[in-house]
C-alpha atoms as a PDB file:
ATOM      1  CA  UNK A   1      91.201  97.809  91.628  1.00  0.00           C
ATOM      2  CA  UNK A   2      88.754  98.735  94.373  1.00  0.00           C
ATOM      3  CA  UNK A   3      87.606 102.350  94.573  1.00  0.00           C
ATOM      4  CA  UNK A   4      85.637 103.539  97.552  1.00  0.00           C
ATOM      5  CA  UNK A   5      84.802 106.520  99.691  1.00  0.00           C
ATOM      6  CA  UNK A   6      86.470 105.882 103.004  1.00  0.00           C
ATOM      7  CA  UNK A   7      84.549 108.718 104.595  1.00  0.00           C
ATOM      8  CA  UNK A   8      81.311 106.739 104.272  1.00  0.00           C
ATOM      9  CA  UNK A   9      82.838 103.580 105.710  1.00  0.00           C
ATOM     10  CA  UNK A  10      80.705 102.042 108.466  1.00  0.00           C
ATOM     11  CA  UNK A  11      82.346 101.421 111.832  1.00  0.00           C
ATOM     12  CA  UNK A  12      81.650  97.891 113.140  1.00  0.00           C
ATOM     13  CA  UNK A  13      79.865  97.593 116.523  1.00  0.00           C
ATOM     14  CA  UNK A  14      81.590  96.142 119.569  1.00  0.00           C
ATOM     15  CA  UNK A  15      80.779  92.574 120.619  1.00  0.00           C
ATOM     16  CA  UNK A  16      78.853  93.854 123.667  1.00  0.00           C
ATOM     17  CA  UNK A  17      76.850  96.266 121.546  1.00  0.00           C
ATOM     18  CA  UNK A  18      75.998  93.526 119.070  1.00  0.00           C
ATOM     19  CA  UNK A  19      74.862  91.176 121.834  1.00  0.00           C
ATOM     20  CA  UNK A  20      72.673  93.892 123.380  1.00  0.00           C
ATOM     21  CA  UNK A  21      71.056  94.508 119.993  1.00  0.00           C
ATOM     22  CA  UNK A  22      70.341  90.784 119.681  1.00  0.00           C
ATOM     23  CA  UNK A  23      68.649  90.724 123.100  1.00  0.00           C
ATOM     24  CA  UNK A  24      66.503  93.743 122.174  1.00  0.00           C
ATOM     25  CA  UNK A  25      65.533  92.096 118.892  1.00  0.00           C
ATOM     26  CA  UNK A  26      64.402  89.024 120.831  1.00  0.00           C
ATOM     27  CA  UNK A  27      62.250  91.076 123.200  1.00  0.00           C
ATOM     28  CA  UNK A  28      60.629  93.017 120.376  1.00  0.00           C
ATOM     29  CA  UNK A  29      59.873  89.864 118.397  1.00  0.00           C
ATOM     30  CA  UNK A  30      58.451  87.807 121.254  1.00  0.00           C
ATOM     31  CA  UNK A  31      56.309  90.232 123.237  1.00  0.00           C
ATOM     32  CA  UNK A  32      53.180  88.651 124.689  1.00  0.00           C
ATOM     33  CA  UNK A  33      50.977  89.369 127.658  1.00  0.00           C
ATOM     34  CA  UNK A  34      50.026  86.967 130.451  1.00  0.00           C
ATOM     35  CA  UNK A  35      50.314  83.205 130.494  1.00  0.00           C
ATOM     36  CA  UNK A  36      50.298  81.262 127.253  1.00  0.00           C
ATOM     37  CA  UNK A  37      50.099  77.700 126.053  1.00  0.00           C
ATOM     38  CA  UNK A  38      53.197  75.676 125.199  1.00  0.00           C
ATOM     39  CA  UNK A  39      52.543  76.120 121.470  1.00  0.00           C
ATOM     40  CA  UNK A  40      52.289  79.896 121.795  1.00  0.00           C
ATOM     41  CA  UNK A  41      55.403  80.030 123.957  1.00  0.00           C
ATOM     42  CA  UNK A  42      57.345  77.952 121.439  1.00  0.00           C
ATOM     43  CA  UNK A  43      56.283  80.284 118.612  1.00  0.00           C
ATOM     44  CA  UNK A  44      57.482  83.290 120.640  1.00  0.00           C
ATOM     45  CA  UNK A  45      60.832  81.648 121.393  1.00  0.00           C
ATOM     46  CA  UNK A  46      61.308  80.748 117.735  1.00  0.00           C
ATOM     47  CA  UNK A  47      60.557  84.352 116.709  1.00  0.00           C
ATOM     48  CA  UNK A  48      63.049  85.474 119.351  1.00  0.00           C
ATOM     49  CA  UNK A  49      65.872  83.258 118.073  1.00  0.00           C
ATOM     50  CA  UNK A  50      65.160  84.021 114.432  1.00  0.00           C
ATOM     51  CA  UNK A  51      65.045  87.761 114.984  1.00  0.00           C
ATOM     52  CA  UNK A  52      68.200  87.817 117.119  1.00  0.00           C
ATOM     53  CA  UNK A  53      70.196  85.548 114.837  1.00  0.00           C
ATOM     54  CA  UNK A  54      69.058  87.453 111.747  1.00  0.00           C
ATOM     55  CA  UNK A  55      70.273  90.720 113.264  1.00  0.00           C
ATOM     56  CA  UNK A  56      73.659  89.270 114.235  1.00  0.00           C
ATOM     57  CA  UNK A  57      74.140  87.449 110.926  1.00  0.00           C
ATOM     58  CA  UNK A  58      73.295  90.549 108.872  1.00  0.00           C
ATOM     59  CA  UNK A  59      75.577  92.711 111.051  1.00  0.00           C
ATOM     60  CA  UNK A  60      78.521  90.330 110.692  1.00  0.00           C
ATOM     61  CA  UNK A  61      77.902  89.932 106.976  1.00  0.00           C
ATOM     62  CA  UNK A  62      77.874  93.699 106.561  1.00  0.00           C
ATOM     63  CA  UNK A  63      81.242  93.914 108.328  1.00  0.00           C
ATOM     64  CA  UNK A  64      83.074  91.501 106.052  1.00  0.00           C
ATOM     65  CA  UNK A  65      81.296  92.635 102.885  1.00  0.00           C
ATOM     66  CA  UNK A  66      81.759  96.384 103.352  1.00  0.00           C
ATOM     67  CA  UNK A  67      85.218  96.382 104.939  1.00  0.00           C
ATOM     68  CA  UNK A  68      87.816  97.127 102.246  1.00  0.00           C
ATOM     69  CA  UNK A  69      89.881  94.193 101.021  1.00  0.00           C
ATOM     70  CA  UNK A  70      93.464  95.424 101.235  1.00  0.00           C
ATOM     71  CA  UNK A  71      94.597  93.566  98.105  1.00  0.00           C
ATOM     72  CA  UNK A  72      91.996  95.384  95.980  1.00  0.00           C
ATOM     73  CA  UNK A  73      93.003  98.873  97.073  1.00  0.00           C
ATOM     74  CA  UNK A  74      95.264 101.212  95.125  1.00  0.00           C
ATOM     75  CA  UNK A  75      98.930 100.867  96.248  1.00  0.00           C
ATOM     76  CA  UNK A  76      98.737 104.327  97.847  1.00  0.00           C
ATOM     77  CA  UNK A  77      95.917 103.220 100.131  1.00  0.00           C
ATOM     78  CA  UNK A  78      97.489  99.823 100.752  1.00  0.00           C
ATOM     79  CA  UNK A  79     100.576 101.540 102.085  1.00  0.00           C
ATOM     80  CA  UNK A  80      98.556 103.901 104.294  1.00  0.00           C
ATOM     81  CA  UNK A  81      96.727 100.863 105.694  1.00  0.00           C
ATOM     82  CA  UNK A  82     100.021  99.169 106.530  1.00  0.00           C
ATOM     83  CA  UNK A  83     101.007 102.263 108.522  1.00  0.00           C
ATOM     84  CA  UNK A  84      97.636 102.587 110.270  1.00  0.00           C
ATOM     85  CA  UNK A  85      97.105  99.011 111.485  1.00  0.00           C
ATOM     86  CA  UNK A  86      98.312  95.418 111.262  1.00  0.00           C
ATOM     87  CA  UNK A  87      97.000  94.381 107.845  1.00  0.00           C
ATOM     88  CA  UNK A  88      97.732  90.676 108.382  1.00  0.00           C
ATOM     89  CA  UNK A  89      95.629  90.595 111.546  1.00  0.00           C
ATOM     90  CA  UNK A  90      92.980  92.663 109.743  1.00  0.00           C
ATOM     91  CA  UNK A  91      92.716  89.990 107.029  1.00  0.00           C
ATOM     92  CA  UNK A  92      92.502  87.202 109.612  1.00  0.00           C
ATOM     93  CA  UNK A  93      89.799  89.079 111.506  1.00  0.00           C
ATOM     94  CA  UNK A  94      87.625  89.493 108.409  1.00  0.00           C
ATOM     95  CA  UNK A  95      87.924  85.754 107.834  1.00  0.00           C
ATOM     96  CA  UNK A  96      87.073  85.099 111.487  1.00  0.00           C
ATOM     97  CA  UNK A  97      83.962  87.312 111.274  1.00  0.00           C
ATOM     98  CA  UNK A  98      82.806  85.367 108.244  1.00  0.00           C
ATOM     99  CA  UNK A  99      83.309  82.045 110.061  1.00  0.00           C
ATOM    100  CA  UNK A 100      81.397  83.200 113.140  1.00  0.00           C
ATOM    101  CA  UNK A 101      78.538  84.414 110.939  1.00  0.00           C
ATOM    102  CA  UNK A 102      78.155  80.890 109.560  1.00  0.00           C
ATOM    103  CA  UNK A 103      78.361  79.349 113.042  1.00  0.00           C
ATOM    104  CA  UNK A 104      75.656  81.693 114.383  1.00  0.00           C
ATOM    105  CA  UNK A 105      73.313  80.516 111.644  1.00  0.00           C
ATOM    106  CA  UNK A 106      73.923  76.878 112.587  1.00  0.00           C
ATOM    107  CA  UNK A 107      73.485  77.578 116.309  1.00  0.00           C
ATOM    108  CA  UNK A 108      70.193  79.357 115.605  1.00  0.00           C
ATOM    109  CA  UNK A 109      68.897  76.390 113.600  1.00  0.00           C
ATOM    110  CA  UNK A 110      69.906  73.988 116.396  1.00  0.00           C
ATOM    111  CA  UNK A 111      68.114  76.116 118.997  1.00  0.00           C
ATOM    112  CA  UNK A 112      64.978  76.418 116.885  1.00  0.00           C
ATOM    113  CA  UNK A 113      64.922  72.639 116.477  1.00  0.00           C
ATOM    114  CA  UNK A 114      65.312  72.340 120.253  1.00  0.00           C
ATOM    115  CA  UNK A 115      62.356  74.646 120.844  1.00  0.00           C
ATOM    116  CA  UNK A 116      60.205  72.774 118.338  1.00  0.00           C
ATOM    117  CA  UNK A 117      61.055  69.410 119.931  1.00  0.00           C
ATOM    118  CA  UNK A 118      60.274  70.600 123.485  1.00  0.00           C
ATOM    119  CA  UNK A 119      57.434  68.787 125.241  1.00  0.00           C
ATOM    120  CA  UNK A 120      57.483  71.128 128.217  1.00  0.00           C
ATOM    121  CA  UNK A 121      57.811  74.884 128.458  1.00  0.00           C
ATOM    122  CA  UNK A 122      61.014  74.646 130.513  1.00  0.00           C
ATOM    123  CA  UNK A 123      62.647  72.634 127.709  1.00  0.00           C
ATOM    124  CA  UNK A 124      61.751  75.369 125.222  1.00  0.00           C
ATOM    125  CA  UNK A 125      63.135  78.002 127.613  1.00  0.00           C
ATOM    126  CA  UNK A 126      66.337  75.975 127.968  1.00  0.00           C
ATOM    127  CA  UNK A 127      66.762  75.808 124.183  1.00  0.00           C
ATOM    128  CA  UNK A 128      66.284  79.566 123.879  1.00  0.00           C
ATOM    129  CA  UNK A 129      68.748  80.268 126.716  1.00  0.00           C
ATOM    130  CA  UNK A 130      71.240  77.881 125.131  1.00  0.00           C
ATOM    131  CA  UNK A 131      71.148  79.991 121.970  1.00  0.00           C
ATOM    132  CA  UNK A 132      71.991  83.192 123.830  1.00  0.00           C
ATOM    133  CA  UNK A 133      74.689  81.459 125.854  1.00  0.00           C
ATOM    134  CA  UNK A 134      76.407  80.195 122.717  1.00  0.00           C
ATOM    135  CA  UNK A 135      75.827  83.499 120.922  1.00  0.00           C
ATOM    136  CA  UNK A 136      77.454  85.390 123.796  1.00  0.00           C
ATOM    137  CA  UNK A 137      80.495  83.098 123.699  1.00  0.00           C
ATOM    138  CA  UNK A 138      80.841  83.452 119.938  1.00  0.00           C
ATOM    139  CA  UNK A 139      80.655  87.241 120.053  1.00  0.00           C
ATOM    140  CA  UNK A 140      83.071  87.336 122.980  1.00  0.00           C
ATOM    141  CA  UNK A 141      85.547  85.345 120.864  1.00  0.00           C
ATOM    142  CA  UNK A 142      85.273  88.121 118.256  1.00  0.00           C
ATOM    143  CA  UNK A 143      85.902  90.920 120.739  1.00  0.00           C
ATOM    144  CA  UNK A 144      89.550  91.591 119.823  1.00  0.00           C
ATOM    145  CA  UNK A 145      88.844  91.313 116.107  1.00  0.00           C
ATOM    146  CA  UNK A 146      85.909  93.713 116.247  1.00  0.00           C
ATOM    147  CA  UNK A 147      88.066  96.193 118.173  1.00  0.00           C
ATOM    148  CA  UNK A 148      90.761  95.987 115.498  1.00  0.00           C
ATOM    149  CA  UNK A 149      88.233  96.335 112.670  1.00  0.00           C
ATOM    150  CA  UNK A 150      86.634  99.311 114.427  1.00  0.00           C
ATOM    151  CA  UNK A 151      90.018 100.998 114.812  1.00  0.00           C
ATOM    152  CA  UNK A 152      90.921 100.213 111.191  1.00  0.00           C
ATOM    153  CA  UNK A 153      87.646 101.704 109.933  1.00  0.00           C
ATOM    154  CA  UNK A 154      88.157 104.863 111.981  1.00  0.00           C
ATOM    155  CA  UNK A 155      91.698 105.260 110.635  1.00  0.00           C
ATOM    156  CA  UNK A 156      90.628 104.637 107.033  1.00  0.00           C
ATOM    157  CA  UNK A 157      87.880 107.257 107.358  1.00  0.00           C
ATOM    158  CA  UNK A 158      90.728 109.759 107.843  1.00  0.00           C
ATOM    159  CA  UNK A 159      92.393 108.840 104.535  1.00  0.00           C
ATOM    160  CA  UNK A 160      92.327 111.586 101.898  1.00  0.00           C
ATOM    161  CA  UNK A 161      89.998 110.847  98.994  1.00  0.00           C
ATOM    162  CA  UNK A 162      92.162 111.071  95.900  1.00  0.00           C
ATOM    163  CA  UNK A 163      91.143 110.008  92.421  1.00  0.00           C
ATOM    164  CA  UNK A 164      93.291 107.025  91.465  1.00  0.00           C
ATOM    165  CA  UNK A 165      91.547 106.636  88.093  1.00  0.00           C
ATOM    166  CA  UNK A 166      93.276 109.632  86.493  1.00  0.00           C
ATOM    167  CA  UNK A 167      96.951 110.605  86.141  1.00  0.00           C
ATOM    168  CA  UNK A 168      98.353 112.341  89.223  1.00  0.00           C
ATOM    169  CA  UNK A 169     101.100 114.948  89.255  1.00  0.00           C
ATOM    170  CA  UNK A 170     102.841 115.826  92.509  1.00  0.00           C
ATOM    171  CA  UNK A 171     103.880 119.455  92.955  1.00  0.00           C
ATOM    172  CA  UNK A 172     106.928 119.570  95.222  1.00  0.00           C
ATOM    173  CA  UNK A 173     109.542 122.087  96.308  1.00  0.00           C
ATOM    174  CA  UNK A 174     110.820 124.001  99.315  1.00  0.00           C
ATOM    175  CA  UNK A 175     108.377 126.160 101.326  1.00  0.00           C
ATOM    176  CA  UNK A 176     107.188 129.451  99.817  1.00  0.00           C
ATOM    177  CA  UNK A 177     108.535 128.807  96.317  1.00  0.00           C
ATOM    178  CA  UNK A 178     105.056 129.231  94.812  1.00  0.00           C
ATOM    179  CA  UNK A 179     103.680 125.686  94.657  1.00  0.00           C
ATOM    180  CA  UNK A 180     100.170 126.689  95.722  1.00  0.00           C
ATOM    181  CA  UNK A 181     100.197 129.655  93.342  1.00  0.00           C
ATOM    182  CA  UNK A 182     101.178 127.329  90.515  1.00  0.00           C
ATOM    183  CA  UNK A 183      98.397 124.871  91.344  1.00  0.00           C
ATOM    184  CA  UNK A 184      95.823 127.671  91.440  1.00  0.00           C
ATOM    185  CA  UNK A 185      97.092 129.075  88.150  1.00  0.00           C
ATOM    186  CA  UNK A 186      96.857 125.697  86.409  1.00  0.00           C
ATOM    187  CA  UNK A 187      93.414 124.713  87.705  1.00  0.00           C
ATOM    188  CA  UNK A 188      90.073 126.422  87.300  1.00  0.00           C
ATOM    189  CA  UNK A 189      88.067 125.153  90.245  1.00  0.00           C
ATOM    190  CA  UNK A 190      88.998 125.995  93.809  1.00  0.00           C
ATOM    191  CA  UNK A 191      91.525 123.402  95.058  1.00  0.00           C
ATOM    192  CA  UNK A 192      90.358 120.939  97.716  1.00  0.00           C
ATOM    193  CA  UNK A 193      92.229 120.586 101.004  1.00  0.00           C
ATOM    194  CA  UNK A 194      92.508 116.999 102.294  1.00  0.00           C
ATOM    195  CA  UNK A 195      94.030 116.353 105.753  1.00  0.00           C
ATOM    196  CA  UNK A 196      96.854 113.824 105.442  1.00  0.00           C
ATOM    197  CA  UNK A 197      96.932 111.066 108.090  1.00  0.00           C
ATOM    198  CA  UNK A 198      99.878 110.554 110.469  1.00  0.00           C
ATOM    199  CA  UNK A 199     100.940 114.176 109.945  1.00  0.00           C
ATOM    200  CA  UNK A 200      99.641 117.618 110.827  1.00  0.00           C
ATOM    201  CA  UNK A 201      99.658 118.527 107.127  1.00  0.00           C
ATOM    202  CA  UNK A 202      97.174 118.413 104.258  1.00  0.00           C
ATOM    203  CA  UNK A 203      97.180 117.605 100.563  1.00  0.00           C
ATOM    204  CA  UNK A 204      95.823 120.281  98.235  1.00  0.00           C
ATOM    205  CA  UNK A 205      94.160 118.806  95.146  1.00  0.00           C
ATOM    206  CA  UNK A 206      93.168 120.441  91.890  1.00  0.00           C
ATOM    207  CA  UNK A 207      92.238 119.181  88.419  1.00  0.00           C
ATOM    208  CA  UNK A 208      94.102 120.275  85.291  1.00  0.00           C
ATOM    209  CA  UNK A 209      92.018 119.945  82.124  1.00  0.00           C
ATOM    210  CA  UNK A 210      94.072 118.610  79.210  1.00  0.00           C
ATOM    211  CA  UNK A 211      91.081 118.293  76.904  1.00  0.00           C
ATOM    212  CA  UNK A 212      90.404 114.572  76.602  1.00  0.00           C
ATOM    213  CA  UNK A 213      92.133 113.885  79.920  1.00  0.00           C
ATOM    214  CA  UNK A 214      91.908 115.475  83.361  1.00  0.00           C
ATOM    215  CA  UNK A 215      95.046 115.365  85.477  1.00  0.00           C
ATOM    216  CA  UNK A 216      95.021 115.522  89.258  1.00  0.00           C
ATOM    217  CA  UNK A 217      97.539 118.007  90.665  1.00  0.00           C
ATOM    218  CA  UNK A 218      98.614 117.370  94.257  1.00  0.00           C
ATOM    219  CA  UNK A 219     100.380 120.028  96.300  1.00  0.00           C
ATOM    220  CA  UNK A 220     102.106 118.653  99.393  1.00  0.00           C
ATOM    221  CA  UNK A 221     102.824 121.583 101.733  1.00  0.00           C
ATOM    222  CA  UNK A 222     104.941 120.549 104.707  1.00  0.00           C
ATOM    223  CA  UNK A 223     105.525 117.054 103.302  1.00  0.00           C
ATOM    224  CA  UNK A 224     107.843 117.140 100.283  1.00  0.00           C
ATOM    225  CA  UNK A 225     109.434 120.493 101.061  1.00  0.00           C
ATOM    226  CA  UNK A 226     112.107 119.639 103.635  1.00  0.00           C
ATOM    227  CA  UNK A 227     114.613 116.762 103.985  1.00  0.00           C
ATOM    228  CA  UNK A 228     113.156 113.467 105.202  1.00  0.00           C
ATOM    229  CA  UNK A 229     115.633 113.244 108.069  1.00  0.00           C
ATOM    230  CA  UNK A 230     113.802 116.178 109.645  1.00  0.00           C
ATOM    231  CA  UNK A 231     110.556 114.152 109.803  1.00  0.00           C
ATOM    232  CA  UNK A 232     109.390 111.628 112.374  1.00  0.00           C
ATOM    233  CA  UNK A 233     109.424 107.938 111.414  1.00  0.00           C
ATOM    234  CA  UNK A 234     105.666 107.764 110.841  1.00  0.00           C
ATOM    235  CA  UNK A 235     105.731 110.994 108.794  1.00  0.00           C
ATOM    236  CA  UNK A 236     108.482 109.505 106.624  1.00  0.00           C
ATOM    237  CA  UNK A 237     106.370 106.394 106.059  1.00  0.00           C
ATOM    238  CA  UNK A 238     103.334 108.502 105.112  1.00  0.00           C
ATOM    239  CA  UNK A 239     105.436 110.589 102.727  1.00  0.00           C
ATOM    240  CA  UNK A 240     106.832 107.470 101.074  1.00  0.00           C
ATOM    241  CA  UNK A 241     103.248 106.404 100.287  1.00  0.00           C
ATOM    242  CA  UNK A 242     102.944 109.460  98.021  1.00  0.00           C
ATOM    243  CA  UNK A 243     105.287 107.832  95.502  1.00  0.00           C
ATOM    244  CA  UNK A 244     102.327 105.691  94.411  1.00  0.00           C
ATOM    245  CA  UNK A 245     100.530 108.850  93.220  1.00  0.00           C
ATOM    246  CA  UNK A 246     103.451 110.325  91.291  1.00  0.00           C
ATOM    247  CA  UNK A 247     102.835 109.684  87.601  1.00  0.00           C
ATOM    248  CA  UNK A 248     104.917 112.819  87.161  1.00  0.00           C
ATOM    249  CA  UNK A 249     106.421 115.456  89.451  1.00  0.00           C
ATOM    250  CA  UNK A 250     106.695 119.193  88.981  1.00  0.00           C
ATOM    251  CA  UNK A 251     109.489 120.400  91.252  1.00  0.00           C
ATOM    252  CA  UNK A 252     109.225 124.140  91.846  1.00  0.00           C
ATOM    253  CA  UNK A 253     112.380 126.073  92.704  1.00  0.00           C
ATOM    254  CA  UNK A 254     112.830 129.745  93.562  1.00  0.00           C
ATOM    255  CA  UNK A 255     115.978 131.137  91.910  1.00  0.00           C
ATOM    256  CA  UNK A 256     115.502 134.475  93.708  1.00  0.00           C
ATOM    257  CA  UNK A 257     115.687 132.798  97.147  1.00  0.00           C
ATOM    258  CA  UNK A 258     112.936 135.167  98.332  1.00  0.00           C
ATOM    259  CA  UNK A 259     111.255 132.034  99.667  1.00  0.00           C
ATOM    260  CA  UNK A 260     113.758 132.142 102.527  1.00  0.00           C
ATOM    261  CA  UNK A 261     115.629 128.988 101.522  1.00  0.00           C
ATOM    262  CA  UNK A 262     119.010 129.029  99.766  1.00  0.00           C
ATOM    263  CA  UNK A 263     119.529 127.232  96.483  1.00  0.00           C
ATOM    264  CA  UNK A 264     121.695 124.509  98.029  1.00  0.00           C
ATOM    265  CA  UNK A 265     118.804 123.614 100.373  1.00  0.00           C
ATOM    266  CA  UNK A 266     116.357 123.572  97.459  1.00  0.00           C
ATOM    267  CA  UNK A 267     118.769 121.362  95.509  1.00  0.00           C
ATOM    268  CA  UNK A 268     118.915 118.908  98.439  1.00  0.00           C
ATOM    269  CA  UNK A 269     115.115 118.633  98.497  1.00  0.00           C
ATOM    270  CA  UNK A 270     115.074 118.200  94.713  1.00  0.00           C
ATOM    271  CA  UNK A 271     117.526 115.285  94.822  1.00  0.00           C
ATOM    272  CA  UNK A 272     115.523 113.649  97.599  1.00  0.00           C
ATOM    273  CA  UNK A 273     112.198 113.983  95.760  1.00  0.00           C
ATOM    274  CA  UNK A 274     113.711 112.633  92.534  1.00  0.00           C
ATOM    275  CA  UNK A 275     115.016 109.639  94.473  1.00  0.00           C
ATOM    276  CA  UNK A 276     111.627 109.103  96.142  1.00  0.00           C
ATOM    277  CA  UNK A 277     109.734 108.907  92.844  1.00  0.00           C
ATOM    278  CA  UNK A 278     112.245 106.880  90.842  1.00  0.00           C
ATOM    279  CA  UNK A 279     110.766 105.982  87.482  1.00  0.00           C
ATOM    280  CA  UNK A 280     108.433 108.993  87.317  1.00  0.00           C
ATOM    281  CA  UNK A 281     109.412 111.988  85.152  1.00  0.00           C
ATOM    282  CA  UNK A 282     110.446 115.051  87.178  1.00  0.00           C
ATOM    283  CA  UNK A 283     109.962 118.461  85.567  1.00  0.00           C
ATOM    284  CA  UNK A 284     112.142 121.132  87.132  1.00  0.00           C
ATOM    285  CA  UNK A 285     110.520 124.565  87.151  1.00  0.00           C
ATOM    286  CA  UNK A 286     112.218 127.826  88.084  1.00  0.00           C
ATOM    287  CA  UNK A 287     109.386 130.010  89.354  1.00  0.00           C
ATOM    288  CA  UNK A 288     109.167 133.788  89.887  1.00  0.00           C
ATOM    289  CA  UNK A 289     110.471 134.599  86.410  1.00  0.00           C
ATOM    290  CA  UNK A 290     108.717 137.963  86.740  1.00  0.00           C
ATOM    291  CA  UNK A 291     111.202 139.063  89.430  1.00  0.00           C
ATOM    292  CA  UNK A 292     114.195 136.821  88.694  1.00  0.00           C
ATOM    293  CA  UNK A 293     117.254 138.422  87.132  1.00  0.00           C
ATOM    294  CA  UNK A 294     119.716 136.765  84.763  1.00  0.00           C
ATOM    295  CA  UNK A 295     122.103 136.562  87.697  1.00  0.00           C
ATOM    296  CA  UNK A 296     119.467 134.684  89.716  1.00  0.00           C
ATOM    297  CA  UNK A 297     118.997 132.186  86.893  1.00  0.00           C
ATOM    298  CA  UNK A 298     122.750 131.680  86.452  1.00  0.00           C
ATOM    299  CA  UNK A 299     123.122 130.993  90.178  1.00  0.00           C
ATOM    300  CA  UNK A 300     120.192 128.588  89.992  1.00  0.00           C
ATOM    301  CA  UNK A 301     121.727 126.729  87.041  1.00  0.00           C
ATOM    302  CA  UNK A 302     125.036 126.457  88.863  1.00  0.00           C
ATOM    303  CA  UNK A 303     123.439 125.203  92.105  1.00  0.00           C
ATOM    304  CA  UNK A 304     121.362 122.613  90.231  1.00  0.00           C
ATOM    305  CA  UNK A 305     124.326 121.646  88.030  1.00  0.00           C
ATOM    306  CA  UNK A 306     123.054 122.975  84.700  1.00  0.00           C
ATOM    307  CA  UNK A 307     119.744 121.112  84.672  1.00  0.00           C
ATOM    308  CA  UNK A 308     117.048 120.962  82.041  1.00  0.00           C
ATOM    309  CA  UNK A 309     114.347 123.283  83.347  1.00  0.00           C
ATOM    310  CA  UNK A 310     111.542 125.643  82.428  1.00  0.00           C
ATOM    311  CA  UNK A 311     111.391 129.188  83.786  1.00  0.00           C
ATOM    312  CA  UNK A 312     107.848 130.307  84.634  1.00  0.00           C
ATOM    313  CA  UNK A 313     105.895 132.783  86.695  1.00  0.00           C
ATOM    314  CA  UNK A 314     102.878 131.347  88.464  1.00  0.00           C
ATOM    315  CA  UNK A 315     101.927 134.840  89.603  1.00  0.00           C
ATOM    316  CA  UNK A 316     101.958 136.367  86.101  1.00  0.00           C
ATOM    317  CA  UNK A 317     101.072 133.114  84.293  1.00  0.00           C
ATOM    318  CA  UNK A 318     104.224 133.252  82.169  1.00  0.00           C
ATOM    319  CA  UNK A 319     105.146 130.054  80.272  1.00  0.00           C
ATOM    320  CA  UNK A 320     102.430 128.001  81.958  1.00  0.00           C
ATOM    321  CA  UNK A 321     101.230 126.843  78.539  1.00  0.00           C
ATOM    322  CA  UNK A 322     104.715 125.427  77.923  1.00  0.00           C
ATOM    323  CA  UNK A 323     104.601 123.639  81.277  1.00  0.00           C
ATOM    324  CA  UNK A 324     101.236 122.090  80.392  1.00  0.00           C
ATOM    325  CA  UNK A 325     102.644 120.941  77.038  1.00  0.00           C
ATOM    326  CA  UNK A 326     105.601 119.295  78.786  1.00  0.00           C
ATOM    327  CA  UNK A 327     103.285 117.536  81.220  1.00  0.00           C
ATOM    328  CA  UNK A 328     101.104 116.306  78.377  1.00  0.00           C
ATOM    329  CA  UNK A 329     104.178 114.981  76.549  1.00  0.00           C
ATOM    330  CA  UNK A 330     105.475 113.136  79.646  1.00  0.00           C
ATOM    331  CA  UNK A 331     102.115 111.536  80.410  1.00  0.00           C
ATOM    332  CA  UNK A 332     101.530 110.603  76.769  1.00  0.00           C
ATOM    333  CA  UNK A 333     104.781 108.602  76.813  1.00  0.00           C
ATOM    334  CA  UNK A 334     103.727 106.836  80.026  1.00  0.00           C
ATOM    335  CA  UNK A 335     102.963 103.113  79.723  1.00  0.00           C
ATOM    336  CA  UNK A 336     100.147 103.500  82.253  1.00  0.00           C
ATOM    337  CA  UNK A 337      98.329 106.532  80.867  1.00  0.00           C
ATOM    338  CA  UNK A 338      99.612 106.961  77.292  1.00  0.00           C
ATOM    339  CA  UNK A 339      96.551 105.320  75.733  1.00  0.00           C
ATOM    340  CA  UNK A 340      94.340 108.094  77.135  1.00  0.00           C
ATOM    341  CA  UNK A 341      96.004 110.698  74.932  1.00  0.00           C
ATOM    342  CA  UNK A 342      95.414 111.098  71.190  1.00  0.00           C
ATOM    343  CA  UNK A 343      98.334 109.894  69.070  1.00  0.00           C
ATOM    344  CA  UNK A 344      98.795 113.199  67.331  1.00  0.00           C
END
């Protein structure tokens, strides 16, 4: 599985920009003053073609070697790519860039042979001009592909950098139920805020230390806190991509309803999140135990149809050790991550 920092991804040049660079490389490589003999002229023209073709070949090679291969990306990133651009055309364009790179090398060799075989200066000039004419046509044929690859690179640079090499736990729940407080209480370092593409929201990431294993906690404010039907189509697609990061889910509810959302609304979001992450364990947490009454908890149990849950207080750090134990148990029984945990 390919891991990479999208932020450092290089943006391919346009076809015009690449051609201009090739022309400059020629000028720099073949500078000479005054009139010269045929042999000297031919040497200059050969340096020109070699320098220009080398620049173009290395630039094209860099594009197809450094551009991410969609199939090697984590499923989360593959799905974001499919939202951001046409991945089929992207694949074809990388293949096209590779083909043109090989053709440029052949054209350069042909032109150099033409210069070497010239018996007059005008023949050498014609061979050099032929190279740039063919180079211009080749780069022009790549114009649409380079535009798409540029756009794809710019979109991928906006992707949040999440660690796909450790277990990830999504923290979900209605707004103001205490998700961020819970994340801060469970993690030591200051959480990182990562803007989430296709939305105006961000992911908040923190690391929970389980001893031999670190677990990535992901808070999703504004994403998994309201029903999907209230989102735009592209927001729904982006939210669906999060299912690939859900090795487990902690769903935070507020039995006191001081969050401003009634229990029936919170229950609706809970059902939707559980459906979204089918196959991943969902731990239901009733937060704000420090201010919740027995009546609050009874109403919560009734609204959620007598669920299995853990009552905690993120603010007062009540029962957080029990929550960590439950998370450890769920991840230890996971086929994907179980081997990371000691057997006893």
